[in-house]
C-alpha atoms as a PDB file:
ATOM      1  CA  MET A   1     -17.388   4.083  25.582  1.00  0.00           C
ATOM      2  CA  SER A   2     -13.793   5.129  24.908  1.00  0.00           C
ATOM      3  CA  THR A   3     -13.431   8.314  22.862  1.00  0.00           C
ATOM      4  CA  LEU A   4     -10.381   7.017  20.954  1.00  0.00           C
ATOM      5  CA  PRO A   5     -12.304   4.710  18.581  1.00  0.00           C
ATOM      6  CA  ILE A   6     -14.727   7.532  17.881  1.00  0.00           C
ATOM      7  CA  ILE A   7     -11.859   9.881  16.989  1.00  0.00           C
ATOM      8  CA  LEU A   8     -10.210   7.293  14.751  1.00  0.00           C
ATOM      9  CA  ARG A   9     -13.471   6.766  12.846  1.00  0.00           C
ATOM     10  CA  SER A  10     -14.146  10.492  12.421  1.00  0.00           C
ATOM     11  CA  SER A  11     -14.043  12.477   9.180  1.00  0.00           C
ATOM     12  CA  ARG A  12     -11.701  14.994  10.760  1.00  0.00           C
ATOM     13  CA  PHE A  13      -9.121  12.320  11.561  1.00  0.00           C
ATOM     14  CA  ASN A  14      -9.418  11.038   7.983  1.00  0.00           C
ATOM     15  CA  LEU A  15      -8.790  14.555   6.699  1.00  0.00           C
ATOM     16  CA  TYR A  16      -5.702  15.226   8.846  1.00  0.00           C
ATOM     17  CA  SER A  17      -4.103  11.831   8.212  1.00  0.00           C
ATOM     18  CA  GLY A  18      -4.781  12.214   4.485  1.00  0.00           C
ATOM     19  CA  ALA A  19      -3.140  15.632   4.479  1.00  0.00           C
ATOM     20  CA  LEU A  20      -0.044  14.195   6.184  1.00  0.00           C
ATOM     21  CA  LEU A  21       0.268  11.404   3.644  1.00  0.00           C
ATOM     22  CA  ALA A  22      -0.250  13.894   0.803  1.00  0.00           C
ATOM     23  CA  THR A  23       2.586  16.043   2.136  1.00  0.00           C
ATOM     24  CA  PHE A  24       5.039  13.150   2.179  1.00  0.00           C
ATOM     25  CA  PHE A  25       3.836  12.103  -1.289  1.00  0.00           C
ATOM     26  CA  GLY A  26       4.436  15.621  -2.618  1.00  0.00           C
ATOM     27  CA  ILE A  27       8.091  15.488  -1.536  1.00  0.00           C
ATOM     28  CA  PHE A  28       8.422  11.998  -3.007  1.00  0.00           C
ATOM     29  CA  ALA A  29       6.791  12.986  -6.325  1.00  0.00           C
ATOM     30  CA  TYR A  30       8.928  16.123  -6.677  1.00  0.00           C
ATOM     31  CA  ALA A  31      12.209  14.212  -6.295  1.00  0.00           C
ATOM     32  CA  HIS A  32      11.110  11.624  -8.874  1.00  0.00           C
ATOM     33  CA  PHE A  33       9.740  14.143 -11.370  1.00  0.00           C
ATOM     34  CA  ILE A  34      12.969  16.153 -11.329  1.00  0.00           C
ATOM     35  CA  MET A  35      14.895  12.939 -12.009  1.00  0.00           C
ATOM     36  CA  PHE A  36      12.465  12.053 -14.806  1.00  0.00           C
ATOM     37  CA  LEU A  37      13.135  15.402 -16.495  1.00  0.00           C
ATOM     38  CA  ASP A  38      16.864  14.610 -16.412  1.00  0.00           C
ATOM     39  CA  THR A  39      16.740  10.971 -17.486  1.00  0.00           C
ATOM     40  CA  GLY A  40      13.387  10.341 -19.150  1.00  0.00           C
ATOM     41  CA  LYS A  41      13.042   7.009 -17.305  1.00  0.00           C
ATOM     42  CA  LEU A  42       9.456   5.747 -17.538  1.00  0.00           C
ATOM     43  CA  SER A  43       9.772   3.941 -14.213  1.00  0.00           C
ATOM     44  CA  LEU A  44       9.931   7.278 -12.417  1.00  0.00           C
ATOM     45  CA  LEU A  45       6.567   8.382 -13.784  1.00  0.00           C
ATOM     46  CA  LEU A  46       5.024   4.984 -13.054  1.00  0.00           C
ATOM     47  CA  VAL A  47       6.108   5.150  -9.424  1.00  0.00           C
ATOM     48  CA  ILE A  48       4.684   8.670  -9.123  1.00  0.00           C
ATOM     49  CA  ILE A  49       1.379   7.428 -10.568  1.00  0.00           C
ATOM     50  CA  SER A  50       1.401   4.455  -8.205  1.00  0.00           C
ATOM     51  CA  GLU A  51       1.917   6.538  -5.083  1.00  0.00           C
ATOM     52  CA  ALA A  52      -0.518   9.199  -6.325  1.00  0.00           C
ATOM     53  CA  LEU A  53      -3.240   6.562  -6.631  1.00  0.00           C
ATOM     54  CA  THR A  54      -2.549   5.347  -3.122  1.00  0.00           C
ATOM     55  CA  THR A  55      -2.702   8.888  -1.760  1.00  0.00           C
ATOM     56  CA  VAL A  56      -5.916   9.816  -3.585  1.00  0.00           C
ATOM     57  CA  PHE A  57      -7.765   6.661  -2.570  1.00  0.00           C
ATOM     58  CA  PHE A  58      -6.573   7.100   1.029  1.00  0.00           C
ATOM     59  CA  ILE A  59      -7.812  10.697   1.186  1.00  0.00           C
ATOM     60  CA  PHE A  60     -11.244   9.802  -0.197  1.00  0.00           C
ATOM     61  CA  ARG A  61     -11.691   6.575   1.719  1.00  0.00           C
ATOM     62  CA  SER A  62     -14.940   5.990   3.569  1.00  0.00           C
ATOM     63  CA  ASN A  63     -15.210   6.217   7.352  1.00  0.00           C
ATOM     64  CA  PRO A  64     -14.487   2.844   8.982  1.00  0.00           C
ATOM     65  CA  LYS A  65     -16.923   0.819  11.051  1.00  0.00           C
ATOM     66  CA  THR A  66     -14.134  -0.404  13.315  1.00  0.00           C
ATOM     67  CA  VAL A  67     -10.439   0.548  13.674  1.00  0.00           C
ATOM     68  CA  SER A  68      -7.758  -1.296  15.590  1.00  0.00           C
ATOM     69  CA  ILE A  69      -6.566   0.605  18.643  1.00  0.00           C
ATOM     70  CA  ILE A  70      -3.649  -1.761  19.279  1.00  0.00           C
ATOM     71  CA  PRO A  71      -0.488   0.446  19.272  1.00  0.00           C
ATOM     72  CA  SER A  72       1.657  -2.163  17.492  1.00  0.00           C
ATOM     73  CA  ASP A  73      -0.908  -2.323  14.665  1.00  0.00           C
ATOM     74  CA  TRP A  74      -0.529   1.417  14.176  1.00  0.00           C
ATOM     75  CA  LEU A  75       3.273   1.230  14.296  1.00  0.00           C
ATOM     76  CA  VAL A  76       3.362  -1.550  11.668  1.00  0.00           C
ATOM     77  CA  ALA A  77       0.911   0.305   9.430  1.00  0.00           C
ATOM     78  CA  ILE A  78       2.718   3.639   9.628  1.00  0.00           C
ATOM     79  CA  ILE A  79       6.168   2.209   8.921  1.00  0.00           C
ATOM     80  CA  GLY A  80       4.873  -0.038   6.130  1.00  0.00           C
ATOM     81  CA  SER A  81       3.044   2.853   4.469  1.00  0.00           C
ATOM     82  CA  PHE A  82       5.542   5.680   4.823  1.00  0.00           C
ATOM     83  CA  ALA A  83       8.848   3.817   4.357  1.00  0.00           C
ATOM     84  CA  PRO A  84       8.548   3.588   0.529  1.00  0.00           C
ATOM     85  CA  LEU A  85       7.994   7.359   0.339  1.00  0.00           C
ATOM     86  CA  PHE A  86      11.678   7.724   1.317  1.00  0.00           C
ATOM     87  CA  LEU A  87      12.833   5.792  -1.754  1.00  0.00           C
ATOM     88  CA  ARG A  88      14.893   7.986  -4.033  1.00  0.00           C
ATOM     89  CA  PRO A  89      15.847   7.595  -7.714  1.00  0.00           C
ATOM     90  CA  SER A  90      19.380   6.666  -8.705  1.00  0.00           C
ATOM     91  CA  ASP A  91      21.392   6.718 -11.932  1.00  0.00           C
ATOM     92  CA  TYR A  92      22.546   3.128 -11.292  1.00  0.00           C
ATOM     93  CA  GLY A  93      20.439  -0.023 -11.432  1.00  0.00           C
ATOM     94  CA  VAL A  94      21.529  -3.669 -11.366  1.00  0.00           C
ATOM     95  CA  LEU A  95      18.668  -4.534 -13.768  1.00  0.00           C
ATOM     96  CA  PRO A  96      17.201  -1.574 -15.663  1.00  0.00           C
ATOM     97  CA  GLN A  97      14.863  -3.923 -17.526  1.00  0.00           C
ATOM     98  CA  ALA A  98      12.990  -4.407 -14.239  1.00  0.00           C
ATOM     99  CA  GLU A  99      10.913  -1.384 -15.253  1.00  0.00           C
ATOM    100  CA  ILE A 100       8.511  -4.015 -16.581  1.00  0.00           C
ATOM    101  CA  LEU A 101       7.880  -5.162 -12.983  1.00  0.00           C
ATOM    102  CA  ILE A 102       6.969  -1.614 -12.005  1.00  0.00           C
ATOM    103  CA  ALA A 103       4.568  -1.405 -14.962  1.00  0.00           C
ATOM    104  CA  LEU A 104       2.926  -4.744 -14.147  1.00  0.00           C
ATOM    105  CA  GLY A 105       2.698  -3.806 -10.469  1.00  0.00           C
ATOM    106  CA  THR A 106       1.067  -0.494 -11.310  1.00  0.00           C
ATOM    107  CA  LEU A 107      -1.563  -2.225 -13.494  1.00  0.00           C
ATOM    108  CA  LEU A 108      -2.255  -4.695 -10.679  1.00  0.00           C
ATOM    109  CA  GLN A 109      -2.477  -1.815  -8.229  1.00  0.00           C
ATOM    110  CA  ILE A 110      -5.002   0.022 -10.404  1.00  0.00           C
ATOM    111  CA  ALA A 111      -7.146  -3.106 -10.633  1.00  0.00           C
ATOM    112  CA  GLY A 112      -6.853  -3.639  -6.878  1.00  0.00           C
ATOM    113  CA  LEU A 113      -7.798  -0.054  -6.042  1.00  0.00           C
ATOM    114  CA  ILE A 114     -10.799  -0.139  -8.352  1.00  0.00           C
ATOM    115  CA  SER A 115     -11.877  -3.393  -6.702  1.00  0.00           C
ATOM    116  CA  LEU A 116     -11.368  -1.902  -3.229  1.00  0.00           C
ATOM    117  CA  ASN A 117     -12.790   1.522  -4.016  1.00  0.00           C
ATOM    118  CA  ARG A 118     -13.378   3.644  -0.894  1.00  0.00           C
ATOM    119  CA  SER A 119     -12.697   0.766   1.500  1.00  0.00           C
ATOM    120  CA  PHE A 120      -8.997   1.652   1.394  1.00  0.00           C
ATOM    121  CA  ALA A 121      -7.175   1.647   4.731  1.00  0.00           C
ATOM    122  CA  ILE A 122      -3.690   1.830   6.187  1.00  0.00           C
ATOM    123  CA  VAL A 123      -4.262   0.778   9.768  1.00  0.00           C
ATOM    124  CA  ALA A 124      -6.245  -2.425  10.330  1.00  0.00           C
ATOM    125  CA  ALA A 125      -9.881  -1.374  10.000  1.00  0.00           C
ATOM    126  CA  LYS A 126     -13.183  -2.720   8.742  1.00  0.00           C
ATOM    127  CA  ARG A 127     -15.134  -0.839   6.133  1.00  0.00           C
ATOM    128  CA  GLU A 128     -17.041  -2.778   3.478  1.00  0.00           C
ATOM    129  CA  ILE A 129     -15.631  -6.288   3.002  1.00  0.00           C
ATOM    130  CA  LYS A 130     -14.684  -6.659  -0.659  1.00  0.00           C
ATOM    131  CA  THR A 131     -14.937 -10.087  -2.257  1.00  0.00           C
ATOM    132  CA  GLY A 132     -15.280  -9.312  -5.980  1.00  0.00           C
ATOM    133  CA  TRP A 133     -13.011  -8.936  -8.979  1.00  0.00           C
ATOM    134  CA  MET A 134      -9.346  -9.025  -7.862  1.00  0.00           C
ATOM    135  CA  TYR A 135     -10.423 -10.169  -4.406  1.00  0.00           C
ATOM    136  CA  ARG A 136     -11.795 -13.380  -5.882  1.00  0.00           C
ATOM    137  CA  MET A 137      -8.230 -14.443  -6.701  1.00  0.00           C
ATOM    138  CA  ILE A 138      -6.165 -13.248  -3.734  1.00  0.00           C
ATOM    139  CA  ARG A 139      -7.022 -11.581  -0.447  1.00  0.00           C
ATOM    140  CA  HIS A 140      -4.520  -8.707  -0.731  1.00  0.00           C
ATOM    141  CA  PRO A 141      -4.022  -7.654  -4.380  1.00  0.00           C
ATOM    142  CA  LEU A 142      -2.723  -4.222  -3.369  1.00  0.00           C
ATOM    143  CA  TYR A 143       0.078  -5.717  -1.311  1.00  0.00           C
ATOM    144  CA  ALA A 144       0.913  -8.027  -4.217  1.00  0.00           C
ATOM    145  CA  SER A 145       1.250  -4.966  -6.457  1.00  0.00           C
ATOM    146  CA  TYR A 146       3.586  -3.293  -3.958  1.00  0.00           C
ATOM    147  CA  PHE A 147       5.911  -6.320  -3.977  1.00  0.00           C
ATOM    148  CA  LEU A 148       6.254  -5.946  -7.749  1.00  0.00           C
ATOM    149  CA  ILE A 149       6.497  -2.136  -7.833  1.00  0.00           C
ATOM    150  CA  PHE A 150       9.048  -1.726  -5.062  1.00  0.00           C
ATOM    151  CA  GLY A 151      11.024  -4.809  -6.100  1.00  0.00           C
ATOM    152  CA  GLY A 152      11.326  -3.455  -9.620  1.00  0.00           C
ATOM    153  CA  TYR A 153      12.171  -0.008  -8.244  1.00  0.00           C
ATOM    154  CA  VAL A 154      15.171  -1.279  -6.281  1.00  0.00           C
ATOM    155  CA  LEU A 155      16.449  -3.181  -9.314  1.00  0.00           C
ATOM    156  CA  VAL A 156      16.165  -0.052 -11.486  1.00  0.00           C
ATOM    157  CA  HIS A 157      17.354   2.410  -8.841  1.00  0.00           C
ATOM    158  CA  THR A 158      19.857   0.438  -6.814  1.00  0.00           C
ATOM    159  CA  THR A 159      21.334   2.005  -3.718  1.00  0.00           C
ATOM    160  CA  THR A 160      22.019   0.640  -0.272  1.00  0.00           C
ATOM    161  CA  MET A 161      19.397   2.903   1.260  1.00  0.00           C
ATOM    162  CA  ASN A 162      16.753   1.880  -1.266  1.00  0.00           C
ATOM    163  CA  LEU A 163      17.495  -1.791  -0.585  1.00  0.00           C
ATOM    164  CA  ILE A 164      17.155  -1.229   3.164  1.00  0.00           C
ATOM    165  CA  LEU A 165      13.867   0.657   2.649  1.00  0.00           C
ATOM    166  CA  TYR A 166      12.590  -2.135   0.416  1.00  0.00           C
ATOM    167  CA  LEU A 167      13.367  -4.813   2.996  1.00  0.00           C
ATOM    168  CA  VAL A 168      11.736  -2.743   5.734  1.00  0.00           C
ATOM    169  CA  THR A 169       8.667  -2.069   3.580  1.00  0.00           C
ATOM    170  CA  ILE A 170       8.169  -5.705   2.579  1.00  0.00           C
ATOM    171  CA  SER A 171       8.704  -6.960   6.120  1.00  0.00           C
ATOM    172  CA  PHE A 172       6.124  -4.572   7.507  1.00  0.00           C
ATOM    173  CA  LEU A 173       3.699  -5.257   4.650  1.00  0.00           C
ATOM    174  CA  CYS A 174       3.777  -8.921   5.619  1.00  0.00           C
ATOM    175  CA  LEU A 175       3.114  -7.982   9.244  1.00  0.00           C
ATOM    176  CA  ARG A 176       0.242  -5.741   8.119  1.00  0.00           C
ATOM    177  CA  ILE A 177      -1.370  -8.638   6.285  1.00  0.00           C
ATOM    178  CA  PHE A 178      -1.512 -10.793   9.410  1.00  0.00           C
ATOM    179  CA  ARG A 179      -2.610  -7.938  11.669  1.00  0.00           C
ATOM    180  CA  GLU A 180      -5.330  -6.794   9.294  1.00  0.00           C
ATOM    181  CA  GLU A 181      -6.641 -10.328   8.938  1.00  0.00           C
ATOM    182  CA  ARG A 182      -6.657 -10.713  12.708  1.00  0.00           C
ATOM    183  CA  HIS A 183      -8.810  -7.595  13.006  1.00  0.00           C
ATOM    184  CA  LEU A 184     -11.103  -8.394  10.078  1.00  0.00           C
ATOM    185  CA  SER A 185     -11.592 -12.019  11.116  1.00  0.00           C
ATOM    186  CA  LEU A 186     -13.591 -10.756  14.100  1.00  0.00           C
ATOM    187  CA  ASP A 187     -16.357 -10.506  11.495  1.00  0.00           C
ATOM    188  CA  PRO A 188     -17.776 -13.945  10.539  1.00  0.00           C
ATOM    189  CA  ALA A 189     -18.301 -12.684   6.982  1.00  0.00           C
ATOM    190  CA  TYR A 190     -14.537 -12.192   6.579  1.00  0.00           C
ATOM    191  CA  CYS A 191     -13.822 -15.637   8.037  1.00  0.00           C
ATOM    192  CA  HIS A 192     -16.145 -17.061   5.397  1.00  0.00           C
ATOM    193  CA  TYR A 193     -14.305 -15.053   2.713  1.00  0.00           C
ATOM    194  CA  MET A 194     -10.916 -16.404   3.903  1.00  0.00           C
ATOM    195  CA  SER A 195     -12.240 -19.955   3.670  1.00  0.00           C
ATOM    196  CA  LYS A 196     -13.179 -19.348   0.010  1.00  0.00           C
ATOM    197  CA  VAL A 197     -10.055 -17.368  -1.048  1.00  0.00           C
ATOM    198  CA  ARG A 198      -7.117 -19.243   0.446  1.00  0.00           C
ATOM    199  CA  TYR A 199      -4.132 -17.240  -0.776  1.00  0.00           C
ATOM    200  CA  ARG A 200      -3.037 -13.828   0.404  1.00  0.00           C
ATOM    201  CA  ILE A 201      -0.762 -12.391  -2.322  1.00  0.00           C
ATOM    202  CA  ILE A 202       0.630 -15.250  -4.460  1.00  0.00           C
ATOM    203  CA  PRO A 203      -1.821 -17.846  -5.761  1.00  0.00           C
ATOM    204  CA  TYR A 204      -0.973 -21.423  -4.732  1.00  0.00           C
ATOM    205  CA  ILE A 205       2.020 -20.238  -2.648  1.00  0.00           C
ATOM    206  CA  PHE A 206       1.094 -17.641   0.001  1.00  0.00           C
END
């Protein structure tokens, strides 16, 4: 049996990868908190809370039963997860009122994380298949929350770099959805779940 899947499922790998994500989050949070002290913009605190939740749930996730060892799955997951941590606050926004999107996205994210609990993952992996609460409505509530949060962020903090990072993030999130479902659908239980919950992130649309 290959040793790579064993390493990827190990507690030590979970610890090291969690520490790396926490480091990037710390830099992200510091930049946003300093801007919050200067401007008092609520959106900055909401984004810090959002990314903090992601980091905490990632660090304390359970060990997976299976993990994809396809290199492109890892590349897609890493870019999709780390790209938004390079977003930076700006004094200019084309639509400052879009803070409401960040707030709504954060609430959706909290509900999604509670529903997912310790089955959180970045790279396509199978832990416990969740089918309750938010997962009764759409198959990827966390990704739906990211669309709202990061979309609102770019409208409130509009720069060329933030727009590029947003487009990269959303593109790779979409790729992650398909790659995760490809991996999870190896389990008949997940195939049954997909047949019952038809939509991925937007009910009646996608």
